[in-house]
Amino acid sequence: MNILIVLTSHDKLGDTGKKTGFWLEEFTAPYYQFLDAGAETVLASPQGGQPPLDPKSDEPDAQTASTERFRQDKDAQAALAHTRKLAEIDANEFDAIFYPGGHGPLWDLAQDPHSIALIQAFWQAGKPVAAVCHAPGVLCQVEIDDIPLVKDKHVTGFSNSEEEAVQLTDIVPFLVEDELKKNGGEYSKAADWRPYVMVDGKLITGQNPASSSAVAQALLKMLGSV
């Protein structure tokens, strides 16, 4: 069982002068669930190498058991520091693809041609595609036979009200909830910050950081490991 994890390479939070990137817990929780289930994981990003960490996800109140485990795990840290370039990835080598969130993916992965092509390849091969929090935004420009991938699919992702709560509504290039709806997705959500996952065929989406573990479990279940 081989799972590809795709992380952002984008580190600028719009024109605020602040940093962004991937959200630590949304990577570590699924990573260790995959690892503990016996899966082989490969990490990739548009630029390769070390993906930028959203500094807010490194603050004390954002820490979880999986982030603490990561801090003691030299192998995981080395894997993260040496992600492969997306352009070099062959979808045929993997059984599923997973995207952690953070705001970074909205700027690079959502428009990245290699990411879009990979999602198309996974989907057309009948392989699971999973994304959590802001990462469902990477699905919005993916088309299958000229039809948006998310059209008529039950999906979720970081909600407008959650974006308002972190005061970035006017900073991000697009709102995940709005963009999923615009492309025909049947968007739904739970209360802010509550775990919420939608599964529609081979598509798995999670609303927010609290949903990352449940997305990983849904993906493993789909792959027959739980």
C-alpha atoms as a PDB file:
ATOM      1  CA  MET A   1       0.000   0.000   0.000  1.00  0.00           C
ATOM      2  CA  ASN A   2       1.675   3.167  -1.227  1.00  0.00           C
ATOM      3  CA  ILE A   3       0.278   6.605  -0.406  1.00  0.00           C
ATOM      4  CA  LEU A   4       1.468   9.859  -1.926  1.00  0.00           C
ATOM      5  CA  ILE A   5       1.291  12.896   0.385  1.00  0.00           C
ATOM      6  CA  VAL A   6       1.441  16.230  -1.435  1.00  0.00           C
ATOM      7  CA  LEU A   7       2.465  19.376   0.453  1.00  0.00           C
ATOM      8  CA  THR A   8       2.638  23.027  -0.525  1.00  0.00           C
ATOM      9  CA  SER A   9       5.823  24.926  -1.396  1.00  0.00           C
ATOM     10  CA  HIS A  10       4.211  28.353  -0.896  1.00  0.00           C
ATOM     11  CA  ASP A  11       5.234  30.364   2.185  1.00  0.00           C
ATOM     12  CA  LYS A  12       3.842  33.902   1.723  1.00  0.00           C
ATOM     13  CA  LEU A  13       0.485  34.837   3.257  1.00  0.00           C
ATOM     14  CA  GLY A  14      -0.662  37.128   0.472  1.00  0.00           C
ATOM     15  CA  ASP A  15       0.700  40.661   0.850  1.00  0.00           C
ATOM     16  CA  THR A  16       0.579  40.637   4.661  1.00  0.00           C
ATOM     17  CA  GLY A  17       4.317  40.114   5.069  1.00  0.00           C
ATOM     18  CA  LYS A  18       3.518  37.041   7.181  1.00  0.00           C
ATOM     19  CA  LYS A  19       4.402  33.422   6.503  1.00  0.00           C
ATOM     20  CA  THR A  20       2.174  30.468   5.686  1.00  0.00           C
ATOM     21  CA  GLY A  21       2.665  26.920   4.429  1.00  0.00           C
ATOM     22  CA  PHE A  22       1.271  23.535   5.424  1.00  0.00           C
ATOM     23  CA  TRP A  23      -0.504  22.897   8.734  1.00  0.00           C
ATOM     24  CA  LEU A  24       1.635  20.611  10.877  1.00  0.00           C
ATOM     25  CA  GLU A  25      -1.091  18.494  12.508  1.00  0.00           C
ATOM     26  CA  GLU A  26      -2.851  17.952   9.189  1.00  0.00           C
ATOM     27  CA  PHE A  27       0.348  16.289   8.002  1.00  0.00           C
ATOM     28  CA  THR A  28       1.468  14.457  11.147  1.00  0.00           C
ATOM     29  CA  ALA A  29      -1.848  12.870  12.174  1.00  0.00           C
ATOM     30  CA  PRO A  30      -2.473  11.195   8.782  1.00  0.00           C
ATOM     31  CA  TYR A  31       1.234  10.433   8.301  1.00  0.00           C
ATOM     32  CA  TYR A  32       1.391   8.348  11.475  1.00  0.00           C
ATOM     33  CA  GLN A  33      -1.952   6.668  10.840  1.00  0.00           C
ATOM     34  CA  PHE A  34      -0.658   5.600   7.431  1.00  0.00           C
ATOM     35  CA  LEU A  35       2.676   4.513   8.905  1.00  0.00           C
ATOM     36  CA  ASP A  36       1.087   2.554  11.747  1.00  0.00           C
ATOM     37  CA  ALA A  37      -1.233   0.816   9.261  1.00  0.00           C
ATOM     38  CA  GLY A  38       1.794  -0.454   7.372  1.00  0.00           C
ATOM     39  CA  ALA A  39       1.565   1.891   4.418  1.00  0.00           C
ATOM     40  CA  GLU A  40       4.575   3.180   2.540  1.00  0.00           C
ATOM     41  CA  THR A  41       4.432   6.963   2.148  1.00  0.00           C
ATOM     42  CA  VAL A  42       6.189   9.265  -0.281  1.00  0.00           C
ATOM     43  CA  LEU A  43       6.163  13.024   0.287  1.00  0.00           C
ATOM     44  CA  ALA A  44       6.132  15.457  -2.620  1.00  0.00           C
ATOM     45  CA  SER A  45       5.780  19.188  -3.235  1.00  0.00           C
ATOM     46  CA  PRO A  46       5.940  21.507  -6.259  1.00  0.00           C
ATOM     47  CA  GLN A  47       9.526  22.598  -5.585  1.00  0.00           C
ATOM     48  CA  GLY A  48      10.757  19.512  -3.741  1.00  0.00           C
ATOM     49  CA  GLY A  49      12.881  19.693  -0.607  1.00  0.00           C
ATOM     50  CA  GLN A  50      11.625  21.150   2.671  1.00  0.00           C
ATOM     51  CA  PRO A  51       8.037  22.456   2.446  1.00  0.00           C
ATOM     52  CA  PRO A  52       7.296  25.587   4.488  1.00  0.00           C
ATOM     53  CA  LEU A  53       5.527  25.128   7.805  1.00  0.00           C
ATOM     54  CA  ASP A  54       2.723  27.505   8.732  1.00  0.00           C
ATOM     55  CA  PRO A  55       4.165  29.114  11.886  1.00  0.00           C
ATOM     56  CA  LYS A  56       0.764  29.237  13.564  1.00  0.00           C
ATOM     57  CA  SER A  57       0.580  25.447  13.413  1.00  0.00           C
ATOM     58  CA  ASP A  58       3.846  25.361  15.387  1.00  0.00           C
ATOM     59  CA  GLU A  59       2.456  27.365  18.308  1.00  0.00           C
ATOM     60  CA  PRO A  60       1.862  25.618  21.661  1.00  0.00           C
ATOM     61  CA  ASP A  61      -1.941  25.579  21.444  1.00  0.00           C
ATOM     62  CA  ALA A  62      -1.812  23.773  18.077  1.00  0.00           C
ATOM     63  CA  GLN A  63       0.178  20.798  19.332  1.00  0.00           C
ATOM     64  CA  THR A  64      -1.200  17.254  19.473  1.00  0.00           C
ATOM     65  CA  ALA A  65       0.135  13.776  20.205  1.00  0.00           C
ATOM     66  CA  SER A  66       1.105  13.357  16.546  1.00  0.00           C
ATOM     67  CA  THR A  67       3.028  16.657  16.377  1.00  0.00           C
ATOM     68  CA  GLU A  68       4.913  15.725  19.552  1.00  0.00           C
ATOM     69  CA  ARG A  69       5.717  12.331  18.040  1.00  0.00           C
ATOM     70  CA  PHE A  70       7.016  14.059  14.936  1.00  0.00           C
ATOM     71  CA  ARG A  71       9.393  16.213  16.983  1.00  0.00           C
ATOM     72  CA  GLN A  72      11.060  13.042  18.291  1.00  0.00           C
ATOM     73  CA  ASP A  73      11.090  11.304  14.903  1.00  0.00           C
ATOM     74  CA  LYS A  74      14.306  11.952  12.980  1.00  0.00           C
ATOM     75  CA  ASP A  75      13.239   9.704  10.091  1.00  0.00           C
ATOM     76  CA  ALA A  76       9.990  11.627   9.559  1.00  0.00           C
ATOM     77  CA  GLN A  77      11.809  14.945   9.793  1.00  0.00           C
ATOM     78  CA  ALA A  78      14.322  13.769   7.181  1.00  0.00           C
ATOM     79  CA  ALA A  79      11.521  12.589   4.887  1.00  0.00           C
ATOM     80  CA  LEU A  80       9.814  15.974   5.170  1.00  0.00           C
ATOM     81  CA  ALA A  81      13.074  17.804   4.468  1.00  0.00           C
ATOM     82  CA  HIS A  82      13.561  15.885   1.216  1.00  0.00           C
ATOM     83  CA  THR A  83      10.177  15.848  -0.511  1.00  0.00           C
ATOM     84  CA  ARG A  84      10.234  14.818  -4.153  1.00  0.00           C
ATOM     85  CA  LYS A  85       9.304  17.253  -6.903  1.00  0.00           C
ATOM     86  CA  LEU A  86       5.747  16.818  -8.143  1.00  0.00           C
ATOM     87  CA  ALA A  87       6.952  16.862 -11.739  1.00  0.00           C
ATOM     88  CA  GLU A  88       8.881  13.637 -11.070  1.00  0.00           C
ATOM     89  CA  ILE A  89       5.956  11.687  -9.579  1.00  0.00           C
ATOM     90  CA  ASP A  90       4.295   8.813 -11.451  1.00  0.00           C
ATOM     91  CA  ALA A  91       0.735   8.133 -10.293  1.00  0.00           C
ATOM     92  CA  ASN A  92       1.136   4.484 -11.280  1.00  0.00           C
ATOM     93  CA  GLU A  93       3.460   3.967  -8.311  1.00  0.00           C
ATOM     94  CA  PHE A  94       0.763   4.764  -5.750  1.00  0.00           C
ATOM     95  CA  ASP A  95      -2.569   3.490  -4.472  1.00  0.00           C
ATOM     96  CA  ALA A  96      -3.926   6.809  -3.149  1.00  0.00           C
ATOM     97  CA  ILE A  97      -3.108  10.518  -2.914  1.00  0.00           C
ATOM     98  CA  PHE A  98      -3.556  12.741   0.155  1.00  0.00           C
ATOM     99  CA  TYR A  99      -3.287  16.530   0.532  1.00  0.00           C
ATOM    100  CA  PRO A 100      -2.774  18.174   3.962  1.00  0.00           C
ATOM    101  CA  GLY A 101      -4.017  21.731   4.266  1.00  0.00           C
ATOM    102  CA  GLY A 102      -2.713  25.004   5.548  1.00  0.00           C
ATOM    103  CA  HIS A 103      -3.248  28.168   3.524  1.00  0.00           C
ATOM    104  CA  GLY A 104      -0.258  27.534   1.256  1.00  0.00           C
ATOM    105  CA  PRO A 105      -2.020  25.146  -1.165  1.00  0.00           C
ATOM    106  CA  LEU A 106      -4.469  27.889  -2.178  1.00  0.00           C
ATOM    107  CA  TRP A 107      -1.613  29.782  -3.834  1.00  0.00           C
ATOM    108  CA  ASP A 108       0.368  27.009  -5.498  1.00  0.00           C
ATOM    109  CA  LEU A 109      -1.226  23.553  -5.560  1.00  0.00           C
ATOM    110  CA  ALA A 110      -4.659  24.796  -6.624  1.00  0.00           C
ATOM    111  CA  GLN A 111      -3.178  25.962  -9.936  1.00  0.00           C
ATOM    112  CA  ASP A 112      -0.183  23.635 -10.235  1.00  0.00           C
ATOM    113  CA  PRO A 113      -0.375  21.707 -13.541  1.00  0.00           C
ATOM    114  CA  HIS A 114       1.489  18.705 -12.134  1.00  0.00           C
ATOM    115  CA  SER A 115      -0.863  18.483  -9.164  1.00  0.00           C
ATOM    116  CA  ILE A 116      -3.908  18.788 -11.409  1.00  0.00           C
ATOM    117  CA  ALA A 117      -2.562  16.091 -13.742  1.00  0.00           C
ATOM    118  CA  LEU A 118      -1.814  13.767 -10.824  1.00  0.00           C
ATOM    119  CA  ILE A 119      -5.318  14.101  -9.395  1.00  0.00           C
ATOM    120  CA  GLN A 120      -6.758  13.410 -12.835  1.00  0.00           C
ATOM    121  CA  ALA A 121      -4.561  10.315 -13.168  1.00  0.00           C
ATOM    122  CA  PHE A 122      -5.500   8.961  -9.752  1.00  0.00           C
ATOM    123  CA  TRP A 123      -9.192   9.598 -10.391  1.00  0.00           C
ATOM    124  CA  GLN A 124      -9.244   8.012 -13.821  1.00  0.00           C
ATOM    125  CA  ALA A 125      -7.457   4.958 -12.399  1.00  0.00           C
ATOM    126  CA  GLY A 126     -10.140   4.597  -9.721  1.00  0.00           C
ATOM    127  CA  LYS A 127      -7.741   5.432  -6.886  1.00  0.00           C
ATOM    128  CA  PRO A 128      -8.762   7.408  -3.765  1.00  0.00           C
ATOM    129  CA  VAL A 129      -8.175  11.152  -3.641  1.00  0.00           C
ATOM    130  CA  ALA A 130      -8.231  12.746  -0.166  1.00  0.00           C
ATOM    131  CA  ALA A 131      -7.775  16.315   1.079  1.00  0.00           C
ATOM    132  CA  VAL A 132      -8.362  18.136   4.356  1.00  0.00           C
ATOM    133  CA  CYS A 133      -9.095  21.714   5.478  1.00  0.00           C
ATOM    134  CA  HIS A 134      -7.832  24.166   2.809  1.00  0.00           C
ATOM    135  CA  ALA A 135      -6.531  21.356   0.618  1.00  0.00           C
ATOM    136  CA  PRO A 136      -9.920  20.562  -0.987  1.00  0.00           C
ATOM    137  CA  GLY A 137      -9.222  23.825  -2.809  1.00  0.00           C
ATOM    138  CA  VAL A 138      -6.687  21.894  -4.916  1.00  0.00           C
ATOM    139  CA  LEU A 139      -9.595  20.004  -6.497  1.00  0.00           C
ATOM    140  CA  CYS A 140     -11.340  23.039  -7.926  1.00  0.00           C
ATOM    141  CA  GLN A 141      -9.448  23.322 -11.221  1.00  0.00           C
ATOM    142  CA  VAL A 142      -9.369  19.579 -11.837  1.00  0.00           C
ATOM    143  CA  GLU A 143     -11.610  18.449 -14.681  1.00  0.00           C
ATOM    144  CA  ILE A 144     -12.485  14.980 -15.895  1.00  0.00           C
ATOM    145  CA  ASP A 145     -13.718  14.976 -19.507  1.00  0.00           C
ATOM    146  CA  ASP A 146     -14.166  18.771 -19.297  1.00  0.00           C
ATOM    147  CA  ILE A 147     -16.399  18.485 -16.209  1.00  0.00           C
ATOM    148  CA  PRO A 148     -15.199  19.728 -12.798  1.00  0.00           C
ATOM    149  CA  LEU A 149     -14.186  16.785 -10.630  1.00  0.00           C
ATOM    150  CA  VAL A 150     -16.248  18.077  -7.704  1.00  0.00           C
ATOM    151  CA  LYS A 151     -19.429  18.628  -9.726  1.00  0.00           C
ATOM    152  CA  ASP A 152     -22.350  16.864  -8.030  1.00  0.00           C
ATOM    153  CA  LYS A 153     -19.949  15.354  -5.446  1.00  0.00           C
ATOM    154  CA  HIS A 154     -20.586  15.611  -1.719  1.00  0.00           C
ATOM    155  CA  VAL A 155     -17.627  17.620  -0.458  1.00  0.00           C
ATOM    156  CA  THR A 156     -16.458  19.726   2.448  1.00  0.00           C
ATOM    157  CA  GLY A 157     -13.493  21.947   3.253  1.00  0.00           C
ATOM    158  CA  PHE A 158     -12.522  24.976   5.331  1.00  0.00           C
ATOM    159  CA  SER A 159     -15.731  26.957   5.718  1.00  0.00           C
ATOM    160  CA  ASN A 160     -16.297  30.652   5.068  1.00  0.00           C
ATOM    161  CA  SER A 161     -17.142  31.160   8.733  1.00  0.00           C
ATOM    162  CA  GLU A 162     -13.875  29.519   9.811  1.00  0.00           C
ATOM    163  CA  GLU A 163     -11.930  31.744   7.398  1.00  0.00           C
ATOM    164  CA  GLU A 164     -13.710  34.744   8.882  1.00  0.00           C
ATOM    165  CA  ALA A 165     -12.774  33.548  12.356  1.00  0.00           C
ATOM    166  CA  VAL A 166      -9.060  33.581  11.479  1.00  0.00           C
ATOM    167  CA  GLN A 167      -9.530  36.967   9.755  1.00  0.00           C
ATOM    168  CA  LEU A 168      -8.119  35.931   6.394  1.00  0.00           C
ATOM    169  CA  THR A 169     -11.228  36.206   4.223  1.00  0.00           C
ATOM    170  CA  ASP A 170      -9.777  39.183   2.336  1.00  0.00           C
ATOM    171  CA  ILE A 171      -6.246  37.752   2.168  1.00  0.00           C
ATOM    172  CA  VAL A 172      -6.669  34.320   0.599  1.00  0.00           C
ATOM    173  CA  PRO A 173      -6.889  34.058  -3.218  1.00  0.00           C
ATOM    174  CA  PHE A 174     -10.242  32.294  -2.916  1.00  0.00           C
ATOM    175  CA  LEU A 175     -12.574  30.856  -0.293  1.00  0.00           C
ATOM    176  CA  VAL A 176     -12.612  27.056  -0.315  1.00  0.00           C
ATOM    177  CA  GLU A 177     -16.343  26.788   0.425  1.00  0.00           C
ATOM    178  CA  ASP A 178     -17.275  29.262  -2.319  1.00  0.00           C
ATOM    179  CA  GLU A 179     -14.967  27.701  -4.905  1.00  0.00           C
ATOM    180  CA  LEU A 180     -16.236  24.162  -4.288  1.00  0.00           C
ATOM    181  CA  LYS A 181     -19.799  25.397  -4.693  1.00  0.00           C
ATOM    182  CA  LYS A 182     -18.899  27.409  -7.798  1.00  0.00           C
ATOM    183  CA  ASN A 183     -17.605  24.249  -9.441  1.00  0.00           C
ATOM    184  CA  GLY A 184     -20.786  22.336  -8.708  1.00  0.00           C
ATOM    185  CA  GLY A 185     -19.800  20.601  -5.492  1.00  0.00           C
ATOM    186  CA  GLU A 186     -22.530  19.628  -3.034  1.00  0.00           C
ATOM    187  CA  TYR A 187     -20.827  21.394  -0.138  1.00  0.00           C
ATOM    188  CA  SER A 188     -21.770  20.760   3.480  1.00  0.00           C
ATOM    189  CA  LYS A 189     -20.142  21.486   6.830  1.00  0.00           C
ATOM    190  CA  ALA A 190     -20.371  21.006  10.568  1.00  0.00           C
ATOM    191  CA  ALA A 191     -20.078  23.698  13.228  1.00  0.00           C
ATOM    192  CA  ASP A 192     -16.802  25.612  13.128  1.00  0.00           C
ATOM    193  CA  TRP A 193     -13.768  23.578  14.253  1.00  0.00           C
ATOM    194  CA  ARG A 194     -15.739  20.344  14.654  1.00  0.00           C
ATOM    195  CA  PRO A 195     -14.557  17.185  12.863  1.00  0.00           C
ATOM    196  CA  TYR A 196     -16.454  16.614   9.615  1.00  0.00           C
ATOM    197  CA  VAL A 197     -15.671  14.324   6.691  1.00  0.00           C
ATOM    198  CA  MET A 198     -17.471  13.659   3.430  1.00  0.00           C
ATOM    199  CA  VAL A 199     -16.912  10.511   1.378  1.00  0.00           C
ATOM    200  CA  ASP A 200     -18.305  10.373  -2.157  1.00  0.00           C
ATOM    201  CA  GLY A 201     -17.072   7.417  -4.150  1.00  0.00           C
ATOM    202  CA  LYS A 202     -13.274   7.616  -4.152  1.00  0.00           C
ATOM    203  CA  LEU A 203     -13.275  11.258  -3.030  1.00  0.00           C
ATOM    204  CA  ILE A 204     -12.628  12.046   0.655  1.00  0.00           C
ATOM    205  CA  THR A 205     -12.657  15.600   2.041  1.00  0.00           C
ATOM    206  CA  GLY A 206     -12.357  16.983   5.563  1.00  0.00           C
ATOM    207  CA  GLN A 207     -13.477  20.378   6.825  1.00  0.00           C
ATOM    208  CA  ASN A 208     -10.697  21.555   9.151  1.00  0.00           C
ATOM    209  CA  PRO A 209      -7.660  20.492  11.232  1.00  0.00           C
ATOM    210  CA  ALA A 210      -9.891  18.533  13.609  1.00  0.00           C
ATOM    211  CA  SER A 211     -10.929  16.369  10.641  1.00  0.00           C
ATOM    212  CA  SER A 212      -7.459  15.203   9.588  1.00  0.00           C
ATOM    213  CA  SER A 213      -7.459  11.936  11.551  1.00  0.00           C
ATOM    214  CA  ALA A 214     -10.934  11.017  10.329  1.00  0.00           C
ATOM    215  CA  VAL A 215      -9.925  11.679   6.719  1.00  0.00           C
ATOM    216  CA  ALA A 216      -6.922   9.393   7.154  1.00  0.00           C
ATOM    217  CA  GLN A 217      -9.103   6.681   8.683  1.00  0.00           C
ATOM    218  CA  ALA A 218     -11.573   6.960   5.823  1.00  0.00           C
ATOM    219  CA  LEU A 219      -8.743   6.636   3.322  1.00  0.00           C
ATOM    220  CA  LEU A 220      -7.302   3.567   5.048  1.00  0.00           C
ATOM    221  CA  LYS A 221     -10.741   2.008   5.211  1.00  0.00           C
ATOM    222  CA  MET A 222     -11.136   2.592   1.488  1.00  0.00           C
ATOM    223  CA  LEU A 223      -7.796   0.912   0.915  1.00  0.00           C
ATOM    224  CA  GLY A 224      -8.888  -2.037   3.019  1.00  0.00           C
ATOM    225  CA  SER A 225      -6.526  -1.535   5.944  1.00  0.00           C
ATOM    226  CA  VAL A 226      -9.054  -0.870   8.716  1.00  0.00           C
END
